[in-house]
């Protein structure tokens, strides 16, 4: 592979680096554990609810990202890649 290419027969200067997930859930933030700061008597239930909601948001972000990537990669007509993305999308639902 020629130095400075991305494996698609193009140089870095020719690649459009548009963020195709910019209007979606911030997956990195959603999937990064944060302290819920719950300070009530029923802390366990509140904490479990918080964890569940954070995990749900994380999976939604992953699903949206995969859907966006699939739409962009559809033009390459690589059925193996598309099938793999489809399987990952099923797991993140």
Protein backbone atom coordinates (compact mmCIF):
# COMPACT_ATOMS: atom_id res chain seq x y z
CA UNK A 1 0.00 0.00 0.00
CA UNK A 2 1.34 3.40 -0.95
CA UNK A 3 2.30 5.68 1.94
CA UNK A 4 -0.31 8.39 2.58
CA UNK A 5 -3.33 6.48 1.29
CA UNK A 6 -6.28 5.06 3.20
CA UNK A 7 -6.71 1.87 1.21
CA UNK A 8 -9.25 3.41 -1.14
CA UNK A 9 -6.80 4.58 -3.82
CA UNK A 10 -6.97 8.19 -2.60
CA UNK A 11 -4.68 10.49 -0.66
CA UNK A 12 -5.56 12.12 2.63
CA UNK A 13 -6.10 15.43 0.84
CA UNK A 14 -8.84 13.87 -1.32
CA UNK A 15 -10.82 12.43 1.59
CA UNK A 16 -13.86 14.32 2.88
CA UNK A 17 -13.60 14.08 6.66
CA UNK A 18 -17.17 15.20 7.35
CA UNK A 19 -18.57 13.98 10.68
CA UNK A 20 -21.59 11.99 9.53
CA UNK A 21 -22.72 11.46 13.15
CA UNK A 22 -22.67 15.10 14.26
CA UNK A 23 -26.46 15.42 14.67
CA UNK A 24 -26.83 12.23 16.68
CA UNK A 25 -26.17 11.05 20.21
CA UNK A 26 -22.56 11.62 21.25
CA UNK A 27 -21.72 7.93 21.57
CA UNK A 28 -18.40 8.42 23.33
CA UNK A 29 -20.00 10.61 25.99
CA UNK A 30 -23.05 8.34 26.29
CA UNK A 31 -20.88 5.24 26.71
CA UNK A 32 -18.50 6.77 29.24
CA UNK A 33 -19.52 6.00 32.79
CA UNK A 34 -20.28 9.05 34.89
CA UNK A 35 -21.09 9.32 38.60
CA UNK A 36 -24.87 9.81 38.87
CA UNK A 37 -24.50 11.83 42.06
CA UNK A 38 -27.58 10.24 43.66
CA UNK A 39 -27.83 11.12 47.36
CA UNK A 40 -31.25 9.83 48.42
CA UNK A 41 -32.33 7.08 50.82
CA UNK A 42 -33.29 4.74 47.99
CA UNK A 43 -29.88 5.06 46.36
CA UNK A 44 -29.69 1.50 44.99
CA UNK A 45 -32.88 1.73 42.89
CA UNK A 46 -32.01 5.22 41.66
CA UNK A 47 -28.48 4.11 40.79
CA UNK A 48 -29.71 1.02 38.91
CA UNK A 49 -32.20 3.16 36.96
CA UNK A 50 -29.42 5.62 36.09
CA UNK A 51 -27.13 2.80 34.91
CA UNK A 52 -29.92 1.29 32.78
CA UNK A 53 -30.71 4.65 31.14
CA UNK A 54 -27.01 5.31 30.45
CA UNK A 55 -26.59 1.87 28.89
CA UNK A 56 -29.69 2.41 26.75
CA UNK A 57 -28.39 5.78 25.53
CA UNK A 58 -25.00 4.21 24.79
CA UNK A 59 -26.56 1.42 22.70
CA UNK A 60 -28.78 3.93 20.87
CA UNK A 61 -25.69 5.95 20.00
CA UNK A 62 -23.86 2.88 18.72
CA UNK A 63 -26.88 1.87 16.63
CA UNK A 64 -27.19 5.37 15.11
CA UNK A 65 -23.47 5.46 14.32
CA UNK A 66 -23.59 2.05 12.64
CA UNK A 67 -26.64 3.11 10.63
CA UNK A 68 -24.82 6.24 9.42
CA UNK A 69 -21.68 4.27 8.55
CA UNK A 70 -23.76 1.66 6.70
CA UNK A 71 -25.40 4.36 4.60
CA UNK A 72 -22.01 5.82 3.67
CA UNK A 73 -20.42 2.43 2.92
CA UNK A 74 -23.36 1.16 0.86
CA UNK A 75 -21.87 2.80 -2.23
CA UNK A 76 -18.83 0.49 -2.08
CA UNK A 77 -21.09 -2.57 -2.62
CA UNK A 78 -19.05 -4.73 -0.27
CA UNK A 79 -21.68 -7.22 0.94
CA UNK A 80 -19.39 -8.65 3.61
CA UNK A 81 -18.92 -5.25 5.25
CA UNK A 82 -22.64 -4.45 4.99
CA UNK A 83 -23.63 -7.82 6.45
CA UNK A 84 -21.19 -7.33 9.32
CA UNK A 85 -22.60 -3.90 10.09
CA UNK A 86 -26.13 -5.36 9.95
CA UNK A 87 -25.16 -8.02 12.51
CA UNK A 88 -23.63 -5.37 14.81
CA UNK A 89 -26.81 -3.30 14.50
CA UNK A 90 -28.91 -6.31 15.59
CA UNK A 91 -26.79 -6.72 18.71
CA UNK A 92 -27.07 -3.03 19.66
CA UNK A 93 -30.88 -2.91 19.49
